[in-house]
Amino acid sequence: QVQLVESGGGLVETGGSLKLSCVASGSIAHLNAMAWYRQAPGKQRELVATITRLGTTNYPDSAKGRFTISRDNAKNTVYLLMNSLKSEDTAVYYCNAVTPSNYLLWGQGTQVTVSS
């Protein structure tokens, strides 16, 4: 069973950049898809980026043009590069994976705080 561990969160100023990492305990090459979600206090968890096994990426409007998800299969790692950060990006960011059997895996989350 693959385990996911996020890292790279922290405090960043508005307009700054941050790169999150999600390291899997096993191969990610055969996972159907991986994604990043975020959850701010008092709000529902929302999707911010997805990448399929074939490398296709998708973003909601809130992230499109600012966030980039990428994958390095050799390192069993998925990244989320966040540029032009805004205060509304403040949240706990979670790594997610969909296994070939459509089982969902989640990491423990990493806190991103954007200050004004």
C-alpha atoms as a PDB file:
ATOM      1  CA  GLN A   1       0.000   0.000   0.000  1.00  0.00           C
ATOM      2  CA  VAL A   2       1.445   3.343  -1.084  1.00  0.00           C
ATOM      3  CA  GLN A   3       1.804   6.022   1.576  1.00  0.00           C
ATOM      4  CA  LEU A   4       1.976   9.719   0.736  1.00  0.00           C
ATOM      5  CA  VAL A   5       3.941  12.357   2.628  1.00  0.00           C
ATOM      6  CA  GLU A   6       3.646  16.053   1.811  1.00  0.00           C
ATOM      7  CA  SER A   7       6.293  18.650   2.544  1.00  0.00           C
ATOM      8  CA  GLY A   8       7.331  22.134   1.493  1.00  0.00           C
ATOM      9  CA  GLY A   9       4.644  24.169   3.178  1.00  0.00           C
ATOM     10  CA  GLY A  10       5.411  27.284   5.148  1.00  0.00           C
ATOM     11  CA  LEU A  11       4.937  31.010   5.370  1.00  0.00           C
ATOM     12  CA  VAL A  12       5.238  33.065   2.207  1.00  0.00           C
ATOM     13  CA  GLU A  13       4.409  36.653   1.308  1.00  0.00           C
ATOM     14  CA  THR A  14       1.663  37.617  -1.102  1.00  0.00           C
ATOM     15  CA  GLY A  15       2.985  37.352  -4.637  1.00  0.00           C
ATOM     16  CA  GLY A  16       5.621  34.837  -3.660  1.00  0.00           C
ATOM     17  CA  SER A  17       6.125  31.245  -4.704  1.00  0.00           C
ATOM     18  CA  LEU A  18       6.238  27.908  -2.960  1.00  0.00           C
ATOM     19  CA  LYS A  19       6.864  24.376  -4.178  1.00  0.00           C
ATOM     20  CA  LEU A  20       5.208  21.472  -2.421  1.00  0.00           C
ATOM     21  CA  SER A  21       6.355  17.872  -2.663  1.00  0.00           C
ATOM     22  CA  CYS A  22       4.452  14.636  -2.220  1.00  0.00           C
ATOM     23  CA  VAL A  23       6.704  11.618  -1.811  1.00  0.00           C
ATOM     24  CA  ALA A  24       5.195   8.162  -2.141  1.00  0.00           C
ATOM     25  CA  SER A  25       6.535   5.107  -0.338  1.00  0.00           C
ATOM     26  CA  GLY A  26       6.276   3.106  -3.545  1.00  0.00           C
ATOM     27  CA  SER A  27       6.029   3.534  -7.282  1.00  0.00           C
ATOM     28  CA  ILE A  28       3.601   6.155  -8.548  1.00  0.00           C
ATOM     29  CA  ALA A  29       3.929   5.091 -12.181  1.00  0.00           C
ATOM     30  CA  HIS A  30       0.809   2.943 -12.136  1.00  0.00           C
ATOM     31  CA  LEU A  31      -1.434   5.221 -10.109  1.00  0.00           C
ATOM     32  CA  ASN A  32      -4.411   6.335 -12.174  1.00  0.00           C
ATOM     33  CA  ALA A  33      -4.057   9.926 -11.089  1.00  0.00           C
ATOM     34  CA  MET A  34      -2.571  12.154  -8.452  1.00  0.00           C
ATOM     35  CA  ALA A  35      -3.876  15.441  -7.204  1.00  0.00           C
ATOM     36  CA  TRP A  36      -3.470  18.263  -4.774  1.00  0.00           C
ATOM     37  CA  TYR A  37      -6.354  19.454  -2.627  1.00  0.00           C
ATOM     38  CA  ARG A  38      -6.520  22.190  -0.050  1.00  0.00           C
ATOM     39  CA  GLN A  39      -8.717  22.983   2.907  1.00  0.00           C
ATOM     40  CA  ALA A  40      -8.905  26.331   4.643  1.00  0.00           C
ATOM     41  CA  PRO A  41     -10.422  26.738   8.122  1.00  0.00           C
ATOM     42  CA  GLY A  42     -14.204  26.657   7.954  1.00  0.00           C
ATOM     43  CA  LYS A  43     -14.228  25.699   4.291  1.00  0.00           C
ATOM     44  CA  GLN A  44     -14.665  22.501   2.324  1.00  0.00           C
ATOM     45  CA  ARG A  45     -11.716  20.705   0.840  1.00  0.00           C
ATOM     46  CA  GLU A  46     -11.232  21.782  -2.760  1.00  0.00           C
ATOM     47  CA  LEU A  47      -9.283  20.438  -5.693  1.00  0.00           C
ATOM     48  CA  VAL A  48      -6.410  22.587  -6.933  1.00  0.00           C
ATOM     49  CA  ALA A  49      -4.623  20.368  -9.463  1.00  0.00           C
ATOM     50  CA  THR A  50      -4.664  16.896 -10.999  1.00  0.00           C
ATOM     51  CA  ILE A  51      -2.259  14.875 -13.093  1.00  0.00           C
ATOM     52  CA  THR A  52      -3.139  11.564 -14.712  1.00  0.00           C
ATOM     53  CA  ARG A  53      -0.993   8.502 -15.231  1.00  0.00           C
ATOM     54  CA  LEU A  54      -0.445   9.713 -18.782  1.00  0.00           C
ATOM     55  CA  GLY A  55       0.613  13.167 -17.654  1.00  0.00           C
ATOM     56  CA  THR A  56      -2.477  15.172 -18.466  1.00  0.00           C
ATOM     57  CA  THR A  57      -2.951  18.058 -16.051  1.00  0.00           C
ATOM     58  CA  ASN A  58      -6.064  19.953 -15.042  1.00  0.00           C
ATOM     59  CA  TYR A  59      -6.690  22.944 -12.823  1.00  0.00           C
ATOM     60  CA  PRO A  60      -9.725  24.769 -11.500  1.00  0.00           C
ATOM     61  CA  ASP A  61     -10.050  28.464 -12.246  1.00  0.00           C
ATOM     62  CA  SER A  62      -8.668  29.367  -8.828  1.00  0.00           C
ATOM     63  CA  ALA A  63      -5.339  27.753  -9.673  1.00  0.00           C
ATOM     64  CA  LYS A  64      -5.113  27.919 -13.453  1.00  0.00           C
ATOM     65  CA  GLY A  65      -2.243  30.079 -14.630  1.00  0.00           C
ATOM     66  CA  ARG A  66      -0.620  30.196 -11.188  1.00  0.00           C
ATOM     67  CA  PHE A  67      -0.183  26.579 -10.069  1.00  0.00           C
ATOM     68  CA  THR A  68       1.648  23.782 -11.855  1.00  0.00           C
ATOM     69  CA  ILE A  69       1.465  20.111 -10.945  1.00  0.00           C
ATOM     70  CA  SER A  70       4.233  17.806 -12.132  1.00  0.00           C
ATOM     71  CA  ARG A  71       5.409  14.264 -11.574  1.00  0.00           C
ATOM     72  CA  ASP A  72       8.798  12.575 -11.326  1.00  0.00           C
ATOM     73  CA  ASN A  73       8.212   8.839 -11.465  1.00  0.00           C
ATOM     74  CA  ALA A  74      11.878   8.047 -10.822  1.00  0.00           C
ATOM     75  CA  LYS A  75      11.656   9.868  -7.491  1.00  0.00           C
ATOM     76  CA  ASN A  76       8.126   8.679  -6.696  1.00  0.00           C
ATOM     77  CA  THR A  77       7.239  12.313  -6.208  1.00  0.00           C
ATOM     78  CA  VAL A  78       4.537  14.715  -7.299  1.00  0.00           C
ATOM     79  CA  TYR A  79       5.081  18.447  -7.023  1.00  0.00           C
ATOM     80  CA  LEU A  80       2.889  21.497  -6.847  1.00  0.00           C
ATOM     81  CA  LEU A  81       4.544  24.757  -7.828  1.00  0.00           C
ATOM     82  CA  MET A  82       2.526  27.722  -6.638  1.00  0.00           C
ATOM     83  CA  ASN A  83       3.264  31.169  -8.039  1.00  0.00           C
ATOM     84  CA  SER A  84       1.680  34.564  -7.440  1.00  0.00           C
ATOM     85  CA  LEU A  85       0.321  33.411  -4.116  1.00  0.00           C
ATOM     86  CA  LYS A  86      -2.628  35.206  -2.571  1.00  0.00           C
ATOM     87  CA  SER A  87      -3.985  35.287   0.949  1.00  0.00           C
ATOM     88  CA  GLU A  88      -6.897  33.121  -0.162  1.00  0.00           C
ATOM     89  CA  ASP A  89      -4.410  30.363  -0.987  1.00  0.00           C
ATOM     90  CA  THR A  90      -3.803  29.891   2.733  1.00  0.00           C
ATOM     91  CA  ALA A  91      -4.832  26.343   3.611  1.00  0.00           C
ATOM     92  CA  VAL A  92      -3.635  22.886   4.464  1.00  0.00           C
ATOM     93  CA  TYR A  93      -2.607  21.232   1.218  1.00  0.00           C
ATOM     94  CA  TYR A  94      -3.166  17.502   0.801  1.00  0.00           C
ATOM     95  CA  CYS A  95      -1.709  15.073  -1.688  1.00  0.00           C
ATOM     96  CA  ASN A  96      -4.126  12.552  -3.154  1.00  0.00           C
ATOM     97  CA  ALA A  97      -3.745   9.486  -5.330  1.00  0.00           C
ATOM     98  CA  VAL A  98      -6.144   7.185  -7.139  1.00  0.00           C
ATOM     99  CA  THR A  99      -4.930   3.595  -7.336  1.00  0.00           C
ATOM    100  CA  PRO A 100      -5.565   1.308 -10.325  1.00  0.00           C
ATOM    101  CA  SER A 101      -8.471  -0.177  -8.340  1.00  0.00           C
ATOM    102  CA  ASN A 102      -9.833   3.357  -7.754  1.00  0.00           C
ATOM    103  CA  TYR A 103      -8.906   3.354  -4.077  1.00  0.00           C
ATOM    104  CA  LEU A 104      -8.167   6.824  -2.702  1.00  0.00           C
ATOM    105  CA  LEU A 105      -4.973   7.600  -0.825  1.00  0.00           C
ATOM    106  CA  TRP A 106      -4.303  10.770   1.165  1.00  0.00           C
ATOM    107  CA  GLY A 107      -1.264  12.356   2.707  1.00  0.00           C
ATOM    108  CA  GLN A 108      -1.224  14.063   6.100  1.00  0.00           C
ATOM    109  CA  GLY A 109      -1.203  17.590   4.707  1.00  0.00           C
ATOM    110  CA  THR A 110       1.192  20.513   4.802  1.00  0.00           C
ATOM    111  CA  GLN A 111       0.293  24.019   5.917  1.00  0.00           C
ATOM    112  CA  VAL A 112       0.660  26.925   3.502  1.00  0.00           C
ATOM    113  CA  THR A 113       0.213  30.406   4.925  1.00  0.00           C
ATOM    114  CA  VAL A 114       0.296  33.456   2.673  1.00  0.00           C
ATOM    115  CA  SER A 115       0.818  36.733   4.482  1.00  0.00           C
ATOM    116  CA  SER A 116      -0.069  40.191   3.245  1.00  0.00           C
END
